Structure formats: C-alpha cells, structure tokens
Amino acid sequence: MSATANPSHDAANELSKEDRLKQYLQEKAQDGEMYFKSKFIADEVDLSPKEIGALMVKLTDSATELTIEKWSYTSATTWRVAPAA
C-alpha cells in the first residue's frame, strides 16, 4: 500500500495536534481576543476536550505569537487567547 493510497487525506490532518490547535487559535484570535471552553471547539479542531486542555498548557509556553491564559473555571476551564503584544 502506497502513501498516496488515501486521496481524501488532506493537509490539515498531516499537522500535529498541537500545530492544528495553534493554527486554529491564531485564525480565531487575529482580530482580537477570544474566550472558549475546550468542549465547544473540539469538533472544529478534531480533538477531544481533554486533548485540547493538555495542549493549551503546552501552547501557553511555546506559542510566542499568542497570549494564552486560563481565564476562569465554571464546569470547565475557560481559556483567553489573544495575539501577543
């Protein structure tokens, strides 16, 4: 079986989970800050809320073009994301 056997495999699926989430956040926050709970964006980034939560902790330190903070906790963590100043 060759690597090209699955033509429906698109470039977005080739990104790592972390890169996919980072790209999504950059697009959504390009015009200013955004607030979200992982469970509400899980389908859009094709990740589980648990995966998003773990990746957000990583991105807090590694995504220098974004400012990421835990904003509040009411039944799930709310994250604040904004372009870095």
PDB file of N, CA and C in Angstrom:
ATOM      1  N   MET A   1       0.844  -1.177   0.000  1.00  0.00           N
ATOM      2  CA  MET A   1       0.000   0.000   0.000  1.00  0.00           C
ATOM      3  C   MET A   1       0.887   1.237   0.000  1.00  0.00           C
ATOM      4  N   SER A   2       0.648   2.166  -0.913  1.00  0.00           N
ATOM      5  CA  SER A   2       1.493   3.352  -1.015  1.00  0.00           C
ATOM      6  C   SER A   2       0.959   4.468  -0.129  1.00  0.00           C
ATOM      7  N   ALA A   3       1.799   5.478   0.083  1.00  0.00           N
ATOM      8  CA  ALA A   3       1.413   6.623   0.906  1.00  0.00           C
ATOM      9  C   ALA A   3       0.330   7.455   0.236  1.00  0.00           C
ATOM     10  N   THR A   4       0.173   7.331  -1.067  1.00  0.00           N
ATOM     11  CA  THR A   4      -0.838   8.117  -1.782  1.00  0.00           C
ATOM     12  C   THR A   4      -2.139   7.347  -1.981  1.00  0.00           C
ATOM     13  N   ALA A   5      -2.298   6.236  -1.306  1.00  0.00           N
ATOM     14  CA  ALA A   5      -3.483   5.394  -1.467  1.00  0.00           C
ATOM     15  C   ALA A   5      -4.752   6.036  -0.928  1.00  0.00           C
ATOM     16  N   ASN A   6      -4.636   7.024  -0.065  1.00  0.00           N
ATOM     17  CA  ASN A   6      -5.805   7.675   0.511  1.00  0.00           C
ATOM     18  C   ASN A   6      -5.905   9.115   0.023  1.00  0.00           C
ATOM     19  N   PRO A   7      -6.548   9.360  -1.118  1.00  0.00           N
ATOM     20  CA  PRO A   7      -6.604  10.711  -1.665  1.00  0.00           C
ATOM     21  C   PRO A   7      -7.415  11.691  -0.822  1.00  0.00           C
ATOM     22  N   SER A   8      -8.285  11.208   0.066  1.00  0.00           N
ATOM     23  CA  SER A   8      -9.077  12.114   0.890  1.00  0.00           C
ATOM     24  C   SER A   8      -8.292  12.638   2.086  1.00  0.00           C
ATOM     25  N   HIS A   9      -7.107  12.125   2.293  1.00  0.00           N
ATOM     26  CA  HIS A   9      -6.244  12.566   3.398  1.00  0.00           C
ATOM     27  C   HIS A   9      -5.757  13.969   3.078  1.00  0.00           C
ATOM     28  N   ASP A  10      -6.251  14.984   3.792  1.00  0.00           N
ATOM     29  CA  ASP A  10      -5.858  16.333   3.417  1.00  0.00           C
ATOM     30  C   ASP A  10      -4.760  16.892   4.310  1.00  0.00           C
ATOM     31  N   ALA A  11      -4.211  18.030   3.920  1.00  0.00           N
ATOM     32  CA  ALA A  11      -3.040  18.612   4.584  1.00  0.00           C
ATOM     33  C   ALA A  11      -3.300  18.925   6.056  1.00  0.00           C
ATOM     34  N   ALA A  12      -4.527  19.292   6.411  1.00  0.00           N
ATOM     35  CA  ALA A  12      -4.831  19.608   7.803  1.00  0.00           C
ATOM     36  C   ALA A  12      -4.597  18.409   8.711  1.00  0.00           C
ATOM     37  N   ASN A  13      -4.859  17.204   8.206  1.00  0.00           N
ATOM     38  CA  ASN A  13      -4.648  16.012   9.013  1.00  0.00           C
ATOM     39  C   ASN A  13      -3.178  15.687   9.188  1.00  0.00           C
ATOM     40  N   GLU A  14      -2.318  16.255   8.346  1.00  0.00           N
ATOM     41  CA  GLU A  14      -0.897  15.995   8.442  1.00  0.00           C
ATOM     42  C   GLU A  14      -0.232  16.854   9.512  1.00  0.00           C
ATOM     43  N   LEU A  15      -0.883  17.926   9.937  1.00  0.00           N
ATOM     44  CA  LEU A  15      -0.350  18.758  11.003  1.00  0.00           C
ATOM     45  C   LEU A  15      -0.422  17.991  12.318  1.00  0.00           C
ATOM     46  N   SER A  16       0.524  18.259  13.203  1.00  0.00           N
ATOM     47  CA  SER A  16       0.438  17.648  14.529  1.00  0.00           C
ATOM     48  C   SER A  16      -0.788  18.235  15.237  1.00  0.00           C
ATOM     49  N   LYS A  17      -1.240  17.566  16.258  1.00  0.00           N
ATOM     50  CA  LYS A  17      -2.394  18.047  17.009  1.00  0.00           C
ATOM     51  C   LYS A  17      -2.113  19.443  17.559  1.00  0.00           C
ATOM     52  N   GLU A  18      -0.906  19.631  18.068  1.00  0.00           N
ATOM     53  CA  GLU A  18      -0.527  20.925  18.639  1.00  0.00           C
ATOM     54  C   GLU A  18      -0.529  22.018  17.564  1.00  0.00           C
ATOM     55  N   ASP A  19       0.030  21.720  16.404  1.00  0.00           N
ATOM     56  CA  ASP A  19       0.071  22.699  15.319  1.00  0.00           C
ATOM     57  C   ASP A  19      -1.332  23.027  14.804  1.00  0.00           C
ATOM     58  N   ARG A  20      -2.186  22.012  14.733  1.00  0.00           N
ATOM     59  CA  ARG A  20      -3.563  22.216  14.273  1.00  0.00           C
ATOM     60  C   ARG A  20      -4.311  23.153  15.222  1.00  0.00           C
ATOM     61  N   LEU A  21      -4.160  22.924  16.526  1.00  0.00           N
ATOM     62  CA  LEU A  21      -4.818  23.768  17.512  1.00  0.00           C
ATOM     63  C   LEU A  21      -4.241  25.182  17.466  1.00  0.00           C
ATOM     64  N   LYS A  22      -2.937  25.288  17.374  1.00  0.00           N
ATOM     65  CA  LYS A  22      -2.280  26.593  17.321  1.00  0.00           C
ATOM     66  C   LYS A  22      -2.752  27.388  16.109  1.00  0.00           C
ATOM     67  N   GLN A  23      -2.827  26.751  14.964  1.00  0.00           N
ATOM     68  CA  GLN A  23      -3.288  27.408  13.738  1.00  0.00           C
ATOM     69  C   GLN A  23      -4.728  27.890  13.903  1.00  0.00           C
ATOM     70  N   TYR A  24      -5.579  27.050  14.472  1.00  0.00           N
ATOM     71  CA  TYR A  24      -6.976  27.414  14.717  1.00  0.00           C
ATOM     72  C   TYR A  24      -7.059  28.650  15.618  1.00  0.00           C
ATOM     73  N   LEU A  25      -6.288  28.643  16.701  1.00  0.00           N
ATOM     74  CA  LEU A  25      -6.318  29.762  17.649  1.00  0.00           C
ATOM     75  C   LEU A  25      -5.810  31.051  17.013  1.00  0.00           C
ATOM     76  N   GLN A  26      -4.765  30.944  16.205  1.00  0.00           N
ATOM     77  CA  GLN A  26      -4.242  32.130  15.523  1.00  0.00           C
ATOM     78  C   GLN A  26      -5.285  32.730  14.589  1.00  0.00           C
ATOM     79  N   GLU A  27      -5.981  31.884  13.850  1.00  0.00           N
ATOM     80  CA  GLU A  27      -7.019  32.366  12.934  1.00  0.00           C
ATOM     81  C   GLU A  27      -8.159  33.043  13.689  1.00  0.00           C
ATOM     82  N   LYS A  28      -8.602  32.427  14.771  1.00  0.00           N
ATOM     83  CA  LYS A  28      -9.746  32.949  15.521  1.00  0.00           C
ATOM     84  C   LYS A  28      -9.394  34.221  16.302  1.00  0.00           C
ATOM     85  N   ALA A  29      -8.139  34.357  16.713  1.00  0.00           N
ATOM     86  CA  ALA A  29      -7.745  35.496  17.547  1.00  0.00           C
ATOM     87  C   ALA A  29      -7.075  36.618  16.752  1.00  0.00           C
ATOM     88  N   GLN A  30      -7.017  36.497  15.444  1.00  0.00           N
ATOM     89  CA  GLN A  30      -6.282  37.501  14.672  1.00  0.00           C
ATOM     90  C   GLN A  30      -6.886  38.899  14.780  1.00  0.00           C
ATOM     91  N   ASP A  31      -8.176  39.010  15.027  1.00  0.00           N
ATOM     92  CA  ASP A  31      -8.812  40.321  15.148  1.00  0.00           C
ATOM     93  C   ASP A  31      -8.951  40.783  16.597  1.00  0.00           C
ATOM     94  N   GLY A  32      -8.440  40.015  17.527  1.00  0.00           N
ATOM     95  CA  GLY A  32      -8.536  40.377  18.940  1.00  0.00           C
ATOM     96  C   GLY A  32      -8.701  39.147  19.796  1.00  0.00           C
ATOM     97  N   GLU A  33      -8.958  39.368  21.069  1.00  0.00           N
ATOM     98  CA  GLU A  33      -9.029  38.252  21.998  1.00  0.00           C
ATOM     99  C   GLU A  33     -10.263  37.394  21.769  1.00  0.00           C
ATOM    100  N   MET A  34     -10.155  36.135  22.196  1.00  0.00           N
ATOM    101  CA  MET A  34     -11.283  35.214  22.144  1.00  0.00           C
ATOM    102  C   MET A  34     -11.300  34.413  23.438  1.00  0.00           C
ATOM    103  N   TYR A  35     -12.463  33.981  23.827  1.00  0.00           N
ATOM    104  CA  TYR A  35     -12.644  33.142  25.017  1.00  0.00           C
ATOM    105  C   TYR A  35     -13.359  31.878  24.565  1.00  0.00           C
ATOM    106  N   PHE A  36     -12.944  30.739  25.114  1.00  0.00           N
ATOM    107  CA  PHE A  36     -13.606  29.493  24.726  1.00  0.00           C
ATOM    108  C   PHE A  36     -13.415  28.429  25.786  1.00  0.00           C
ATOM    109  N   LYS A  37     -14.281  27.431  25.736  1.00  0.00           N
ATOM    110  CA  LYS A  37     -14.136  26.199  26.511  1.00  0.00           C
ATOM    111  C   LYS A  37     -13.810  25.094  25.519  1.00  0.00           C
ATOM    112  N   SER A  38     -12.928  24.215  25.901  1.00  0.00           N
ATOM    113  CA  SER A  38     -12.454  23.150  25.011  1.00  0.00           C
ATOM    114  C   SER A  38     -13.594  22.350  24.405  1.00  0.00           C
ATOM    115  N   LYS A  39     -14.610  22.062  25.187  1.00  0.00           N
ATOM    116  CA  LYS A  39     -15.697  21.218  24.687  1.00  0.00           C
ATOM    117  C   LYS A  39     -16.463  21.872  23.542  1.00  0.00           C
ATOM    118  N   PHE A  40     -16.390  23.199  23.424  1.00  0.00           N
ATOM    119  CA  PHE A  40     -17.130  23.880  22.363  1.00  0.00           C
ATOM    120  C   PHE A  40     -16.356  23.992  21.054  1.00  0.00           C
ATOM    121  N   ILE A  41     -15.048  23.759  21.074  1.00  0.00           N
ATOM    122  CA  ILE A  41     -14.273  23.815  19.824  1.00  0.00           C
ATOM    123  C   ILE A  41     -13.741  22.443  19.417  1.00  0.00           C
ATOM    124  N   ALA A  42     -13.994  21.436  20.222  1.00  0.00           N
ATOM    125  CA  ALA A  42     -13.440  20.097  19.983  1.00  0.00           C
ATOM    126  C   ALA A  42     -13.728  19.576  18.576  1.00  0.00           C
ATOM    127  N   ASP A  43     -14.957  19.704  18.123  1.00  0.00           N
ATOM    128  CA  ASP A  43     -15.309  19.216  16.781  1.00  0.00           C
ATOM    129  C   ASP A  43     -14.598  20.004  15.685  1.00  0.00           C
ATOM    130  N   GLU A  44     -14.443  21.303  15.888  1.00  0.00           N
ATOM    131  CA  GLU A  44     -13.819  22.151  14.873  1.00  0.00           C
ATOM    132  C   GLU A  44     -12.342  21.807  14.652  1.00  0.00           C
ATOM    133  N   VAL A  45     -11.651  21.369  15.701  1.00  0.00           N
ATOM    134  CA  VAL A  45     -10.221  21.041  15.577  1.00  0.00           C
ATOM    135  C   VAL A  45      -9.972  19.535  15.585  1.00  0.00           C
ATOM    136  N   ASP A  46     -11.055  18.748  15.616  1.00  0.00           N
ATOM    137  CA  ASP A  46     -10.965  17.294  15.586  1.00  0.00           C
ATOM    138  C   ASP A  46     -10.080  16.736  16.702  1.00  0.00           C
ATOM    139  N   LEU A  47     -10.310  17.262  17.921  1.00  0.00           N
ATOM    140  CA  LEU A  47      -9.600  16.815  19.116  1.00  0.00           C
ATOM    141  C   LEU A  47     -10.620  16.669  20.243  1.00  0.00           C
ATOM    142  N   SER A  48     -10.278  15.881  21.238  1.00  0.00           N
ATOM    143  CA  SER A  48     -11.163  15.775  22.394  1.00  0.00           C
ATOM    144  C   SER A  48     -10.917  16.978  23.312  1.00  0.00           C
ATOM    145  N   PRO A  49     -11.901  17.325  24.134  1.00  0.00           N
ATOM    146  CA  PRO A  49     -11.688  18.419  25.091  1.00  0.00           C
ATOM    147  C   PRO A  49     -10.475  18.167  25.994  1.00  0.00           C
ATOM    148  N   LYS A  50     -10.256  16.923  26.365  1.00  0.00           N
ATOM    149  CA  LYS A  50      -9.111  16.579  27.212  1.00  0.00           C
ATOM    150  C   LYS A  50      -7.791  16.847  26.480  1.00  0.00           C
ATOM    151  N   GLU A  51      -7.736  16.484  25.188  1.00  0.00           N
ATOM    152  CA  GLU A  51      -6.535  16.753  24.390  1.00  0.00           C
ATOM    153  C   GLU A  51      -6.292  18.251  24.261  1.00  0.00           C
ATOM    154  N   ILE A  52      -7.363  19.007  24.046  1.00  0.00           N
ATOM    155  CA  ILE A  52      -7.235  20.458  23.921  1.00  0.00           C
ATOM    156  C   ILE A  52      -6.683  21.053  25.214  1.00  0.00           C
ATOM    157  N   GLY A  53      -7.222  20.624  26.346  1.00  0.00           N
ATOM    158  CA  GLY A  53      -6.748  21.127  27.636  1.00  0.00           C
ATOM    159  C   GLY A  53      -5.265  20.876  27.851  1.00  0.00           C
ATOM    160  N   ALA A  54      -4.809  19.672  27.510  1.00  0.00           N
ATOM    161  CA  ALA A  54      -3.382  19.340  27.664  1.00  0.00           C
ATOM    162  C   ALA A  54      -2.528  20.171  26.710  1.00  0.00           C
ATOM    163  N   LEU A  55      -3.009  20.345  25.486  1.00  0.00           N
ATOM    164  CA  LEU A  55      -2.255  21.124  24.503  1.00  0.00           C
ATOM    165  C   LEU A  55      -2.233  22.609  24.846  1.00  0.00           C
ATOM    166  N   MET A  56      -3.293  23.118  25.445  1.00  0.00           N
ATOM    167  CA  MET A  56      -3.323  24.533  25.827  1.00  0.00           C
ATOM    168  C   MET A  56      -2.237  24.841  26.849  1.00  0.00           C
ATOM    169  N   VAL A  57      -1.994  23.913  27.769  1.00  0.00           N
ATOM    170  CA  VAL A  57      -0.927  24.104  28.751  1.00  0.00           C
ATOM    171  C   VAL A  57       0.428  24.202  28.036  1.00  0.00           C
ATOM    172  N   LYS A  58       0.662  23.333  27.058  1.00  0.00           N
ATOM    173  CA  LYS A  58       1.899  23.383  26.266  1.00  0.00           C
ATOM    174  C   LYS A  58       2.003  24.686  25.485  1.00  0.00           C
ATOM    175  N   LEU A  59       0.906  25.070  24.830  1.00  0.00           N
ATOM    176  CA  LEU A  59       0.919  26.268  23.997  1.00  0.00           C
ATOM    177  C   LEU A  59       1.114  27.547  24.805  1.00  0.00           C
ATOM    178  N   THR A  60       0.717  27.518  26.063  1.00  0.00           N
ATOM    179  CA  THR A  60       0.910  28.678  26.920  1.00  0.00           C
ATOM    180  C   THR A  60       2.373  29.103  26.925  1.00  0.00           C
ATOM    181  N   ASP A  61       3.278  28.125  26.918  1.00  0.00           N
ATOM    182  CA  ASP A  61       4.717  28.415  26.931  1.00  0.00           C
ATOM    183  C   ASP A  61       5.329  28.507  25.538  1.00  0.00           C
ATOM    184  N   SER A  62       4.823  27.726  24.584  1.00  0.00           N
ATOM    185  CA  SER A  62       5.505  27.622  23.296  1.00  0.00           C
ATOM    186  C   SER A  62       4.969  28.530  22.195  1.00  0.00           C
ATOM    187  N   ALA A  63       3.742  28.968  22.273  1.00  0.00           N
ATOM    188  CA  ALA A  63       3.156  29.785  21.199  1.00  0.00           C
ATOM    189  C   ALA A  63       3.452  31.261  21.465  1.00  0.00           C
ATOM    190  N   THR A  64       4.616  31.712  21.030  1.00  0.00           N
ATOM    191  CA  THR A  64       5.052  33.074  21.329  1.00  0.00           C
ATOM    192  C   THR A  64       4.230  34.140  20.609  1.00  0.00           C
ATOM    193  N   GLU A  65       3.519  33.769  19.549  1.00  0.00           N
ATOM    194  CA  GLU A  65       2.704  34.740  18.826  1.00  0.00           C
ATOM    195  C   GLU A  65       1.305  34.893  19.419  1.00  0.00           C
ATOM    196  N   LEU A  66       1.023  34.138  20.488  1.00  0.00           N
ATOM    197  CA  LEU A  66      -0.262  34.206  21.172  1.00  0.00           C
ATOM    198  C   LEU A  66      -0.063  34.420  22.665  1.00  0.00           C
ATOM    199  N   THR A  67      -1.002  35.113  23.275  1.00  0.00           N
ATOM    200  CA  THR A  67      -1.070  35.199  24.730  1.00  0.00           C
ATOM    201  C   THR A  67      -2.205  34.273  25.151  1.00  0.00           C
ATOM    202  N   ILE A  68      -1.883  33.287  25.966  1.00  0.00           N
ATOM    203  CA  ILE A  68      -2.873  32.290  26.378  1.00  0.00           C
ATOM    204  C   ILE A  68      -2.936  32.265  27.900  1.00  0.00           C
ATOM    205  N   GLU A  69      -4.150  32.383  28.434  1.00  0.00           N
ATOM    206  CA  GLU A  69      -4.336  32.345  29.885  1.00  0.00           C
ATOM    207  C   GLU A  69      -5.545  31.498  30.253  1.00  0.00           C
ATOM    208  N   LYS A  70      -5.444  30.830  31.390  1.00  0.00           N
ATOM    209  CA  LYS A  70      -6.645  30.229  31.972  1.00  0.00           C
ATOM    210  C   LYS A  70      -7.424  31.400  32.529  1.00  0.00           C
ATOM    211  N   TRP A  71      -8.662  31.536  32.095  1.00  0.00           N
ATOM    212  CA  TRP A  71      -9.429  32.715  32.470  1.00  0.00           C
ATOM    213  C   TRP A  71     -10.344  32.452  33.659  1.00  0.00           C
ATOM    214  N   SER A  72     -11.090  31.381  33.619  1.00  0.00           N
ATOM    215  CA  SER A  72     -11.976  31.048  34.737  1.00  0.00           C
ATOM    216  C   SER A  72     -12.312  29.565  34.683  1.00  0.00           C
ATOM    217  N   TYR A  73     -12.969  29.112  35.733  1.00  0.00           N
ATOM    218  CA  TYR A  73     -13.399  27.721  35.758  1.00  0.00           C
ATOM    219  C   TYR A  73     -14.824  27.661  36.266  1.00  0.00           C
ATOM    220  N   THR A  74     -15.738  27.333  35.371  1.00  0.00           N
ATOM    221  CA  THR A  74     -17.136  27.097  35.719  1.00  0.00           C
ATOM    222  C   THR A  74     -17.565  25.896  34.902  1.00  0.00           C
ATOM    223  N   SER A  75     -17.557  24.752  35.484  1.00  0.00           N
ATOM    224  CA  SER A  75     -17.871  23.460  34.866  1.00  0.00           C
ATOM    225  C   SER A  75     -16.828  23.003  33.849  1.00  0.00           C
ATOM    226  N   ALA A  76     -15.937  23.877  33.451  1.00  0.00           N
ATOM    227  CA  ALA A  76     -14.801  23.550  32.571  1.00  0.00           C
ATOM    228  C   ALA A  76     -13.951  24.813  32.464  1.00  0.00           C
ATOM    229  N   THR A  77     -12.688  24.655  32.157  1.00  0.00           N
ATOM    230  CA  THR A  77     -11.803  25.813  32.045  1.00  0.00           C
ATOM    231  C   THR A  77     -12.188  26.677  30.853  1.00  0.00           C
ATOM    232  N   THR A  78     -12.259  27.975  31.091  1.00  0.00           N
ATOM    233  CA  THR A  78     -12.404  28.938  30.001  1.00  0.00           C
ATOM    234  C   THR A  78     -11.017  29.492  29.721  1.00  0.00           C
ATOM    235  N   TRP A  79     -10.643  29.484  28.456  1.00  0.00           N
ATOM    236  CA  TRP A  79      -9.341  29.990  28.034  1.00  0.00           C
ATOM    237  C   TRP A  79      -9.504  31.331  27.354  1.00  0.00           C
ATOM    238  N   ARG A  80      -8.540  32.224  27.590  1.00  0.00           N
ATOM    239  CA  ARG A  80      -8.482  33.507  26.885  1.00  0.00           C
ATOM    240  C   ARG A  80      -7.273  33.449  25.972  1.00  0.00           C
ATOM    241  N   VAL A  81      -7.478  33.758  24.686  1.00  0.00           N
ATOM    242  CA  VAL A  81      -6.403  33.752  23.708  1.00  0.00           C
ATOM    243  C   VAL A  81      -6.434  35.076  22.971  1.00  0.00           C
ATOM    244  N   ALA A  82      -5.255  35.683  22.828  1.00  0.00           N
ATOM    245  CA  ALA A  82      -5.135  36.952  22.108  1.00  0.00           C
ATOM    246  C   ALA A  82      -3.798  36.964  21.370  1.00  0.00           C
ATOM    247  N   PRO A  83      -3.711  37.768  20.322  1.00  0.00           N
ATOM    248  CA  PRO A  83      -2.407  37.916  19.666  1.00  0.00           C
ATOM    249  C   PRO A  83      -1.400  38.493  20.668  1.00  0.00           C
ATOM    250  N   ALA A  84      -0.153  38.056  20.593  1.00  0.00           N
ATOM    251  CA  ALA A  84       0.872  38.560  21.503  1.00  0.00           C
ATOM    252  C   ALA A  84       1.114  40.041  21.211  1.00  0.00           C
ATOM    253  N   ALA A  85       1.342  40.773  22.256  1.00  0.00           N
ATOM    254  CA  ALA A  85       1.579  42.220  22.103  1.00  0.00           C
ATOM    255  C   ALA A  85       2.978  42.508  21.607  1.00  0.00           C
TER     256      ALA A  85
END
